[in-house]
All heavy atoms as atom14 arrays in JSON, in Angstrom:
{
  "sequence": "FEENDAQNLVVYLPKQETIFVGNYVSNNRVPALAQHHSLAEWMG",
  "atom14_mask": [
    [1, 1, 1, 1, 1, 1, 1, 1, 1, 1, 1, 0, 0, 0],
    [1, 1, 1, 1, 1, 1, 1, 1, 1, 0, 0, 0, 0, 0],
    [1, 1, 1, 1, 1, 1, 1, 1, 1, 0, 0, 0, 0, 0],
    [1, 1, 1, 1, 1, 1, 1, 1, 0, 0, 0, 0, 0, 0],
    [1, 1, 1, 1, 1, 1, 1, 1, 0, 0, 0, 0, 0, 0],
    [1, 1, 1, 1, 1, 0, 0, 0, 0, 0, 0, 0, 0, 0],
    [1, 1, 1, 1, 1, 1, 1, 1, 1, 0, 0, 0, 0, 0],
    [1, 1, 1, 1, 1, 1, 1, 1, 0, 0, 0, 0, 0, 0],
    [1, 1, 1, 1, 1, 1, 1, 1, 0, 0, 0, 0, 0, 0],
    [1, 1, 1, 1, 1, 1, 1, 0, 0, 0, 0, 0, 0, 0],
    [1, 1, 1, 1, 1, 1, 1, 0, 0, 0, 0, 0, 0, 0],
    [1, 1, 1, 1, 1, 1, 1, 1, 1, 1, 1, 1, 0, 0],
    [1, 1, 1, 1, 1, 1, 1, 1, 0, 0, 0, 0, 0, 0],
    [1, 1, 1, 1, 1, 1, 1, 0, 0, 0, 0, 0, 0, 0],
    [1, 1, 1, 1, 1, 1, 1, 1, 1, 0, 0, 0, 0, 0],
    [1, 1, 1, 1, 1, 1, 1, 1, 1, 0, 0, 0, 0, 0],
    [1, 1, 1, 1, 1, 1, 1, 1, 1, 0, 0, 0, 0, 0],
    [1, 1, 1, 1, 1, 1, 1, 0, 0, 0, 0, 0, 0, 0],
    [1, 1, 1, 1, 1, 1, 1, 1, 0, 0, 0, 0, 0, 0],
    [1, 1, 1, 1, 1, 1, 1, 1, 1, 1, 1, 0, 0, 0],
    [1, 1, 1, 1, 1, 1, 1, 0, 0, 0, 0, 0, 0, 0],
    [1, 1, 1, 1, 0, 0, 0, 0, 0, 0, 0, 0, 0, 0],
    [1, 1, 1, 1, 1, 1, 1, 1, 0, 0, 0, 0, 0, 0],
    [1, 1, 1, 1, 1, 1, 1, 1, 1, 1, 1, 1, 0, 0],
    [1, 1, 1, 1, 1, 1, 1, 0, 0, 0, 0, 0, 0, 0],
    [1, 1, 1, 1, 1, 1, 0, 0, 0, 0, 0, 0, 0, 0],
    [1, 1, 1, 1, 1, 1, 1, 1, 0, 0, 0, 0, 0, 0],
    [1, 1, 1, 1, 1, 1, 1, 1, 0, 0, 0, 0, 0, 0],
    [1, 1, 1, 1, 1, 1, 1, 1, 1, 1, 1, 0, 0, 0],
    [1, 1, 1, 1, 1, 1, 1, 0, 0, 0, 0, 0, 0, 0],
    [1, 1, 1, 1, 1, 1, 1, 0, 0, 0, 0, 0, 0, 0],
    [1, 1, 1, 1, 1, 0, 0, 0, 0, 0, 0, 0, 0, 0],
    [1, 1, 1, 1, 1, 1, 1, 1, 0, 0, 0, 0, 0, 0],
    [1, 1, 1, 1, 1, 0, 0, 0, 0, 0, 0, 0, 0, 0],
    [1, 1, 1, 1, 1, 1, 1, 1, 1, 0, 0, 0, 0, 0],
    [1, 1, 1, 1, 1, 1, 1, 1, 1, 1, 0, 0, 0, 0],
    [1, 1, 1, 1, 1, 1, 1, 1, 1, 1, 0, 0, 0, 0],
    [1, 1, 1, 1, 1, 1, 0, 0, 0, 0, 0, 0, 0, 0],
    [1, 1, 1, 1, 1, 1, 1, 1, 0, 0, 0, 0, 0, 0],
    [1, 1, 1, 1, 1, 0, 0, 0, 0, 0, 0, 0, 0, 0],
    [1, 1, 1, 1, 1, 1, 1, 1, 1, 0, 0, 0, 0, 0],
    [1, 1, 1, 1, 1, 1, 1, 1, 1, 1, 1, 1, 1, 1],
    [1, 1, 1, 1, 1, 1, 1, 1, 0, 0, 0, 0, 0, 0],
    [1, 1, 1, 1, 0, 0, 0, 0, 0, 0, 0, 0, 0, 0]
  ],
  "atom14_positions": [
    [[-3.22, -6.3, 3.06], [-3.29, -6.99, 1.75], [-2.19, -8.03, 1.4], [-2.49, -8.91, 0.7], [-3.35, -5.91, 0.7], [-4.71, -5.27, 0.56], [-4.85, -3.84, 0.71], [-5.89, -5.95, 0.22], [-6.06, -3.25, 0.58], [-7.11, -5.26, 0.12], [-7.18, -4.03, 0.31], [0.0, 0.0, 0.0], [0.0, 0.0, 0.0], [0.0, 0.0, 0.0]],
    [[-0.98, -7.66, 1.85], [0.12, -8.49, 1.54], [0.39, -9.49, 2.56], [0.7, -9.2, 3.72], [1.44, -7.68, 1.27], [1.17, -6.71, 0.15], [2.41, -5.83, -0.19], [3.59, -6.36, 0.16], [2.32, -4.77, -0.7], [0.0, 0.0, 0.0], [0.0, 0.0, 0.0], [0.0, 0.0, 0.0], [0.0, 0.0, 0.0], [0.0, 0.0, 0.0]],
    [[0.49, -10.79, 2.29], [0.5, -11.92, 3.21], [1.87, -11.75, 3.86], [2.05, -12.07, 5.04], [0.39, -13.24, 2.58], [0.55, -14.43, 3.46], [0.38, -15.71, 2.71], [-0.08, -15.77, 1.48], [0.53, -16.76, 3.38], [0.0, 0.0, 0.0], [0.0, 0.0, 0.0], [0.0, 0.0, 0.0], [0.0, 0.0, 0.0], [0.0, 0.0, 0.0]],
    [[2.98, -11.5, 3.16], [4.33, -11.54, 3.69], [4.77, -10.15, 4.1], [5.97, -10.07, 4.48], [5.3, -12.11, 2.65], [4.82, -13.55, 2.27], [4.85, -14.41, 3.13], [4.72, -13.76, 1.01], [0.0, 0.0, 0.0], [0.0, 0.0, 0.0], [0.0, 0.0, 0.0], [0.0, 0.0, 0.0], [0.0, 0.0, 0.0], [0.0, 0.0, 0.0]],
    [[4.04, -9.15, 4.01], [4.4, -7.85, 4.41], [3.89, -7.47, 5.8], [2.62, -7.58, 6.0], [3.91, -6.78, 3.31], [4.32, -5.4, 3.72], [5.46, -5.15, 4.24], [3.39, -4.45, 3.53], [0.0, 0.0, 0.0], [0.0, 0.0, 0.0], [0.0, 0.0, 0.0], [0.0, 0.0, 0.0], [0.0, 0.0, 0.0], [0.0, 0.0, 0.0]],
    [[4.73, -6.99, 6.67], [4.23, -6.55, 8.09], [4.57, -5.02, 8.17], [4.53, -4.61, 9.35], [5.02, -7.34, 9.12], [0.0, 0.0, 0.0], [0.0, 0.0, 0.0], [0.0, 0.0, 0.0], [0.0, 0.0, 0.0], [0.0, 0.0, 0.0], [0.0, 0.0, 0.0], [0.0, 0.0, 0.0], [0.0, 0.0, 0.0], [0.0, 0.0, 0.0]],
    [[4.77, -4.33, 7.15], [5.15, -2.88, 7.24], [3.98, -1.97, 6.95], [4.04, -0.84, 7.21], [6.33, -2.57, 6.36], [7.6, -3.36, 6.68], [8.72, -2.92, 5.77], [9.23, -1.84, 5.82], [9.1, -3.81, 4.82], [0.0, 0.0, 0.0], [0.0, 0.0, 0.0], [0.0, 0.0, 0.0], [0.0, 0.0, 0.0], [0.0, 0.0, 0.0]],
    [[2.92, -2.47, 6.18], [1.98, -1.49, 5.73], [0.52, -2.0, 6.03], [0.18, -3.2, 5.93], [2.11, -1.41, 4.13], [3.49, -0.85, 3.75], [3.72, 0.37, 3.94], [4.4, -1.71, 3.43], [0.0, 0.0, 0.0], [0.0, 0.0, 0.0], [0.0, 0.0, 0.0], [0.0, 0.0, 0.0], [0.0, 0.0, 0.0], [0.0, 0.0, 0.0]],
    [[-0.34, -1.05, 6.17], [-1.83, -1.29, 6.3], [-2.54, -0.32, 5.43], [-2.08, 0.74, 5.17], [-2.16, -1.11, 7.76], [-1.58, -2.16, 8.79], [-2.01, -1.71, 10.25], [-2.09, -3.54, 8.57], [0.0, 0.0, 0.0], [0.0, 0.0, 0.0], [0.0, 0.0, 0.0], [0.0, 0.0, 0.0], [0.0, 0.0, 0.0], [0.0, 0.0, 0.0]],
    [[-3.87, -0.67, 5.19], [-4.77, 0.23, 4.45], [-5.93, 0.41, 5.39], [-6.4, -0.5, 6.0], [-5.15, -0.46, 3.06], [-6.35, 0.25, 2.49], [-3.99, -0.4, 2.1], [0.0, 0.0, 0.0], [0.0, 0.0, 0.0], [0.0, 0.0, 0.0], [0.0, 0.0, 0.0], [0.0, 0.0, 0.0], [0.0, 0.0, 0.0], [0.0, 0.0, 0.0]],
    [[-6.45, 1.63, 5.32], [-7.65, 1.94, 6.12], [-8.79, 2.29, 5.13], [-8.6, 3.16, 4.26], [-7.45, 3.04, 7.12], [-8.68, 3.42, 7.87], [-6.36, 2.74, 8.1], [0.0, 0.0, 0.0], [0.0, 0.0, 0.0], [0.0, 0.0, 0.0], [0.0, 0.0, 0.0], [0.0, 0.0, 0.0], [0.0, 0.0, 0.0], [0.0, 0.0, 0.0]],
    [[-9.94, 1.72, 5.23], [-11.06, 1.85, 4.35], [-12.39, 2.32, 5.13], [-12.71, 1.7, 6.05], [-11.27, 0.57, 3.57], [-12.45, 0.57, 2.61], [-12.53, 1.59, 1.63], [-13.42, -0.43, 2.63], [-13.65, 1.54, 0.7], [-14.48, -0.46, 1.71], [-14.6, 0.63, 0.85], [-15.62, 0.56, -0.07], [0.0, 0.0, 0.0], [0.0, 0.0, 0.0]],
    [[-12.97, 3.3, 4.56], [-14.29, 3.78, 5.03], [-15.35, 3.47, 4.11], [-15.5, 4.35, 3.09], [-14.26, 5.3, 5.41], [-13.25, 5.78, 6.49], [-13.19, 7.22, 6.58], [-13.74, 5.23, 7.96], [0.0, 0.0, 0.0], [0.0, 0.0, 0.0], [0.0, 0.0, 0.0], [0.0, 0.0, 0.0], [0.0, 0.0, 0.0], [0.0, 0.0, 0.0]],
    [[-16.11, 2.49, 4.15], [-17.06, 2.1, 3.14], [-18.18, 3.2, 2.98], [-18.45, 3.58, 1.83], [-17.66, 0.84, 3.63], [-16.69, 0.27, 4.58], [-16.0, 1.42, 5.26], [0.0, 0.0, 0.0], [0.0, 0.0, 0.0], [0.0, 0.0, 0.0], [0.0, 0.0, 0.0], [0.0, 0.0, 0.0], [0.0, 0.0, 0.0], [0.0, 0.0, 0.0]],
    [[-18.69, 3.7, 4.11], [-19.79, 4.75, 3.98], [-19.3, 6.0, 3.35], [-20.02, 6.59, 2.56], [-20.34, 4.99, 5.41], [-21.55, 5.89, 5.45], [-21.92, 6.15, 6.92], [-23.07, 7.11, 6.92], [-23.56, 7.33, 8.29], [0.0, 0.0, 0.0], [0.0, 0.0, 0.0], [0.0, 0.0, 0.0], [0.0, 0.0, 0.0], [0.0, 0.0, 0.0]],
    [[-18.08, 6.37, 3.7], [-17.58, 7.56, 3.11], [-16.88, 7.41, 1.74], [-16.34, 8.37, 1.14], [-16.61, 8.35, 4.16], [-17.24, 8.94, 5.33], [-17.32, 7.85, 6.43], [-17.19, 6.66, 6.2], [-17.54, 8.33, 7.66], [0.0, 0.0, 0.0], [0.0, 0.0, 0.0], [0.0, 0.0, 0.0], [0.0, 0.0, 0.0], [0.0, 0.0, 0.0]],
    [[-16.85, 6.17, 1.28], [-16.19, 5.79, 0.12], [-14.74, 6.43, -0.01], [-14.32, 6.91, -0.99], [-16.96, 6.29, -1.12], [-18.4, 5.72, -1.13], [-19.22, 6.03, -2.32], [-19.7, 7.23, -2.34], [-19.45, 5.36, -3.28], [0.0, 0.0, 0.0], [0.0, 0.0, 0.0], [0.0, 0.0, 0.0], [0.0, 0.0, 0.0], [0.0, 0.0, 0.0]],
    [[-13.99, 6.21, 1.1], [-12.7, 6.7, 1.17], [-11.74, 5.75, 1.63], [-11.93, 4.91, 2.47], [-12.68, 7.96, 2.08], [-13.58, 9.0, 1.73], [-11.26, 8.61, 2.33], [0.0, 0.0, 0.0], [0.0, 0.0, 0.0], [0.0, 0.0, 0.0], [0.0, 0.0, 0.0], [0.0, 0.0, 0.0], [0.0, 0.0, 0.0], [0.0, 0.0, 0.0]],
    [[-10.47, 5.77, 0.97], [-9.57, 4.76, 1.32], [-8.21, 5.47, 1.61], [-7.75, 6.32, 0.84], [-9.38, 3.67, 0.26], [-8.35, 2.54, 0.73], [-8.91, 4.3, -1.09], [-8.55, 1.34, -0.18], [0.0, 0.0, 0.0], [0.0, 0.0, 0.0], [0.0, 0.0, 0.0], [0.0, 0.0, 0.0], [0.0, 0.0, 0.0], [0.0, 0.0, 0.0]],
    [[-7.53, 5.12, 2.61], [-6.17, 5.65, 2.98], [-5.11, 4.56, 2.77], [-5.2, 3.47, 3.38], [-6.14, 6.03, 4.44], [-7.2, 6.95, 4.86], [-8.43, 6.52, 5.32], [-7.05, 8.36, 4.81], [-9.42, 7.41, 5.73], [-8.04, 9.19, 5.14], [-9.27, 8.7, 5.62], [0.0, 0.0, 0.0], [0.0, 0.0, 0.0], [0.0, 0.0, 0.0]],
    [[-4.28, 4.73, 1.73], [-3.39, 3.67, 1.2], [-1.95, 3.83, 1.67], [-1.06, 3.02, 1.22], [-3.49, 3.63, -0.33], [-4.87, 3.12, -0.64], [-3.2, 4.87, -0.95], [0.0, 0.0, 0.0], [0.0, 0.0, 0.0], [0.0, 0.0, 0.0], [0.0, 0.0, 0.0], [0.0, 0.0, 0.0], [0.0, 0.0, 0.0], [0.0, 0.0, 0.0]],
    [[-1.62, 4.85, 2.34], [-0.17, 4.95, 2.9], [0.82, 4.98, 1.84], [0.75, 5.61, 0.81], [0.0, 0.0, 0.0], [0.0, 0.0, 0.0], [0.0, 0.0, 0.0], [0.0, 0.0, 0.0], [0.0, 0.0, 0.0], [0.0, 0.0, 0.0], [0.0, 0.0, 0.0], [0.0, 0.0, 0.0], [0.0, 0.0, 0.0], [0.0, 0.0, 0.0]],
    [[1.85, 4.07, 1.97], [2.99, 4.03, 1.05], [2.65, 3.08, -0.16], [3.57, 2.79, -0.95], [4.2, 3.53, 1.78], [4.88, 4.54, 2.58], [4.82, 5.75, 2.19], [5.43, 4.2, 3.7], [0.0, 0.0, 0.0], [0.0, 0.0, 0.0], [0.0, 0.0, 0.0], [0.0, 0.0, 0.0], [0.0, 0.0, 0.0], [0.0, 0.0, 0.0]],
    [[1.48, 2.59, -0.29], [1.19, 1.84, -1.44], [1.2, 2.69, -2.71], [1.31, 2.14, -3.8], [-0.09, 1.05, -1.35], [0.01, -0.31, -0.47], [-0.69, -0.33, 0.79], [0.77, -1.29, -0.88], [-0.49, -1.45, 1.53], [0.85, -2.46, -0.16], [0.18, -2.51, 1.03], [0.39, -3.59, 1.82], [0.0, 0.0, 0.0], [0.0, 0.0, 0.0]],
    [[0.87, 3.97, -2.63], [0.71, 4.77, -3.76], [1.62, 6.0, -3.51], [1.65, 6.6, -2.43], [-0.72, 5.32, -3.86], [-0.76, 6.37, -4.98], [-1.67, 4.13, -4.21], [0.0, 0.0, 0.0], [0.0, 0.0, 0.0], [0.0, 0.0, 0.0], [0.0, 0.0, 0.0], [0.0, 0.0, 0.0], [0.0, 0.0, 0.0], [0.0, 0.0, 0.0]],
    [[2.45, 6.33, -4.57], [3.43, 7.52, -4.44], [3.04, 8.4, -5.67], [2.98, 8.03, -6.74], [4.83, 7.01, -4.61], [5.26, 6.22, -3.52], [0.0, 0.0, 0.0], [0.0, 0.0, 0.0], [0.0, 0.0, 0.0], [0.0, 0.0, 0.0], [0.0, 0.0, 0.0], [0.0, 0.0, 0.0], [0.0, 0.0, 0.0], [0.0, 0.0, 0.0]],
    [[2.81, 9.68, -5.33], [2.56, 10.67, -6.18], [3.64, 11.63, -6.38], [4.13, 12.23, -5.46], [1.3, 11.44, -5.82], [0.02, 10.59, -6.11], [-0.17, 9.99, -7.2], [-0.8, 10.44, -5.11], [0.0, 0.0, 0.0], [0.0, 0.0, 0.0], [0.0, 0.0, 0.0], [0.0, 0.0, 0.0], [0.0, 0.0, 0.0], [0.0, 0.0, 0.0]],
    [[4.18, 11.9, -7.56], [5.22, 12.87, -7.94], [6.4, 12.55, -7.14], [7.29, 13.4, -6.82], [4.71, 14.24, -7.6], [5.46, 15.28, -8.46], [5.84, 14.98, -9.52], [5.58, 16.47, -7.94], [0.0, 0.0, 0.0], [0.0, 0.0, 0.0], [0.0, 0.0, 0.0], [0.0, 0.0, 0.0], [0.0, 0.0, 0.0], [0.0, 0.0, 0.0]],
    [[6.76, 11.26, -6.86], [8.02, 10.78, -6.29], [8.18, 9.34, -6.58], [7.09, 8.62, -6.83], [7.95, 11.0, -4.7], [6.8, 10.41, -4.01], [6.7, 10.89, -2.54], [7.64, 10.13, -1.72], [8.27, 10.68, -0.67], [8.07, 11.96, -0.46], [9.07, 10.0, 0.07], [0.0, 0.0, 0.0], [0.0, 0.0, 0.0], [0.0, 0.0, 0.0]],
    [[9.39, 8.89, -6.72], [9.64, 7.52, -7.05], [9.31, 6.62, -5.9], [9.7, 6.84, -4.72], [11.16, 7.31, -7.34], [11.43, 5.78, -7.62], [11.41, 8.07, -8.64], [0.0, 0.0, 0.0], [0.0, 0.0, 0.0], [0.0, 0.0, 0.0], [0.0, 0.0, 0.0], [0.0, 0.0, 0.0], [0.0, 0.0, 0.0], [0.0, 0.0, 0.0]],
    [[8.47, 5.51, -6.05], [8.13, 4.64, -5.0], [9.38, 3.86, -4.45], [10.45, 3.69, -5.21], [7.17, 3.65, -5.66], [6.8, 4.32, -6.96], [7.93, 5.1, -7.41], [0.0, 0.0, 0.0], [0.0, 0.0, 0.0], [0.0, 0.0, 0.0], [0.0, 0.0, 0.0], [0.0, 0.0, 0.0], [0.0, 0.0, 0.0], [0.0, 0.0, 0.0]],
    [[9.36, 3.46, -3.17], [10.44, 2.76, -2.57], [10.03, 1.26, -2.36], [9.25, 0.92, -1.56], [10.81, 3.41, -1.31], [0.0, 0.0, 0.0], [0.0, 0.0, 0.0], [0.0, 0.0, 0.0], [0.0, 0.0, 0.0], [0.0, 0.0, 0.0], [0.0, 0.0, 0.0], [0.0, 0.0, 0.0], [0.0, 0.0, 0.0], [0.0, 0.0, 0.0]],
    [[10.62, 0.4, -3.13], [10.37, -1.02, -3.01], [10.84, -1.62, -1.74], [10.24, -2.65, -1.28], [11.03, -1.78, -4.21], [10.68, -3.19, -4.45], [9.12, -3.37, -4.56], [11.29, -3.71, -5.65], [0.0, 0.0, 0.0], [0.0, 0.0, 0.0], [0.0, 0.0, 0.0], [0.0, 0.0, 0.0], [0.0, 0.0, 0.0], [0.0, 0.0, 0.0]],
    [[11.76, -0.92, -1.05], [12.31, -1.43, 0.24], [11.15, -1.38, 1.27], [11.19, -2.03, 2.35], [13.45, -0.56, 0.75], [0.0, 0.0, 0.0], [0.0, 0.0, 0.0], [0.0, 0.0, 0.0], [0.0, 0.0, 0.0], [0.0, 0.0, 0.0], [0.0, 0.0, 0.0], [0.0, 0.0, 0.0], [0.0, 0.0, 0.0], [0.0, 0.0, 0.0]],
    [[10.18, -0.6, 1.11], [9.11, -0.42, 2.16], [8.0, -1.55, 1.89], [7.03, -1.59, 2.59], [8.41, 0.94, 1.96], [9.34, 2.02, 2.36], [8.69, 3.39, 1.85], [7.75, 3.47, 1.26], [9.45, 4.5, 2.32], [0.0, 0.0, 0.0], [0.0, 0.0, 0.0], [0.0, 0.0, 0.0], [0.0, 0.0, 0.0], [0.0, 0.0, 0.0]],
    [[8.2, -2.52, 0.96], [7.25, -3.59, 0.67], [8.12, -4.9, 0.64], [9.24, -4.91, 0.24], [6.59, -3.38, -0.59], [5.82, -2.03, -0.51], [4.46, -1.96, -0.18], [6.24, -0.73, -0.76], [4.12, -0.66, -0.15], [5.22, 0.01, -0.53], [0.0, 0.0, 0.0], [0.0, 0.0, 0.0], [0.0, 0.0, 0.0], [0.0, 0.0, 0.0]],
    [[7.31, -6.04, 0.8], [7.95, -7.3, 0.91], [8.39, -7.7, -0.61], [9.46, -8.26, -0.76], [6.95, -8.37, 1.35], [7.64, -9.81, 1.37], [7.27, -10.67, 0.47], [8.48, -10.37, 2.24], [7.96, -11.75, 0.7], [8.65, -11.68, 1.81], [0.0, 0.0, 0.0], [0.0, 0.0, 0.0], [0.0, 0.0, 0.0], [0.0, 0.0, 0.0]],
    [[7.55, -7.51, -1.53], [7.88, -7.86, -2.95], [7.3, -7.03, -4.0], [6.19, -6.45, -3.67], [7.62, -9.34, -3.19], [6.2, -9.57, -3.45], [0.0, 0.0, 0.0], [0.0, 0.0, 0.0], [0.0, 0.0, 0.0], [0.0, 0.0, 0.0], [0.0, 0.0, 0.0], [0.0, 0.0, 0.0], [0.0, 0.0, 0.0], [0.0, 0.0, 0.0]],
    [[7.9, -7.06, -5.13], [7.26, -6.28, -6.32], [6.0, -6.89, -6.71], [4.95, -6.23, -6.97], [8.25, -6.31, -7.43], [7.77, -5.77, -8.77], [7.5, -4.3, -8.58], [8.87, -5.94, -9.86], [0.0, 0.0, 0.0], [0.0, 0.0, 0.0], [0.0, 0.0, 0.0], [0.0, 0.0, 0.0], [0.0, 0.0, 0.0], [0.0, 0.0, 0.0]],
    [[5.88, -8.2, -6.68], [4.68, -8.96, -7.16], [3.44, -8.59, -6.22], [2.47, -8.38, -6.66], [4.88, -10.48, -7.25], [0.0, 0.0, 0.0], [0.0, 0.0, 0.0], [0.0, 0.0, 0.0], [0.0, 0.0, 0.0], [0.0, 0.0, 0.0], [0.0, 0.0, 0.0], [0.0, 0.0, 0.0], [0.0, 0.0, 0.0], [0.0, 0.0, 0.0]],
    [[3.8, -8.72, -4.94], [2.66, -8.5, -3.95], [2.22, -6.97, -3.99], [1.02, -6.79, -3.94], [3.15, -8.89, -2.56], [3.12, -10.35, -2.26], [3.28, -10.61, -0.79], [3.84, -9.88, -0.03], [2.75, -11.71, -0.42], [0.0, 0.0, 0.0], [0.0, 0.0, 0.0], [0.0, 0.0, 0.0], [0.0, 0.0, 0.0], [0.0, 0.0, 0.0]],
    [[3.14, -6.21, -4.21], [2.76, -4.72, -4.24], [1.85, -4.48, -5.42], [0.83, -3.82, -5.37], [4.04, -3.86, -4.3], [3.82, -2.35, -4.16], [2.65, -1.78, -4.04], [4.82, -1.29, -4.08], [2.84, -0.34, -3.92], [4.14, -0.16, -3.99], [6.23, -1.4, -4.13], [4.82, 1.07, -3.91], [6.89, -0.15, -4.02], [6.18, 1.01, -3.89]],
    [[2.27, -5.03, -6.63], [1.43, -4.75, -7.8], [0.13, -5.47, -7.59], [-0.93, -4.94, -8.07], [2.23, -5.42, -8.97], [3.51, -4.62, -9.35], [4.4, -5.27, -10.78], [3.3, -4.77, -12.13], [0.0, 0.0, 0.0], [0.0, 0.0, 0.0], [0.0, 0.0, 0.0], [0.0, 0.0, 0.0], [0.0, 0.0, 0.0], [0.0, 0.0, 0.0]],
    [[0.09, -6.63, -6.93], [-1.17, -7.3, -6.75], [-2.11, -6.51, -5.75], [-3.34, -6.45, -5.92], [0.0, 0.0, 0.0], [0.0, 0.0, 0.0], [0.0, 0.0, 0.0], [0.0, 0.0, 0.0], [0.0, 0.0, 0.0], [0.0, 0.0, 0.0], [0.0, 0.0, 0.0], [0.0, 0.0, 0.0], [0.0, 0.0, 0.0], [0.0, 0.0, 0.0]]
  ]
}
């Protein structure tokens, strides 16, 4: 998704309506901006 980011990928299964988002989403822990190229791209 992020043009300038080479650290993260997303995997999507359309038929199963399931998405694996890795470090794009953090639950019950503070997200780490260092794992992404920019704040703007991450929010986008």
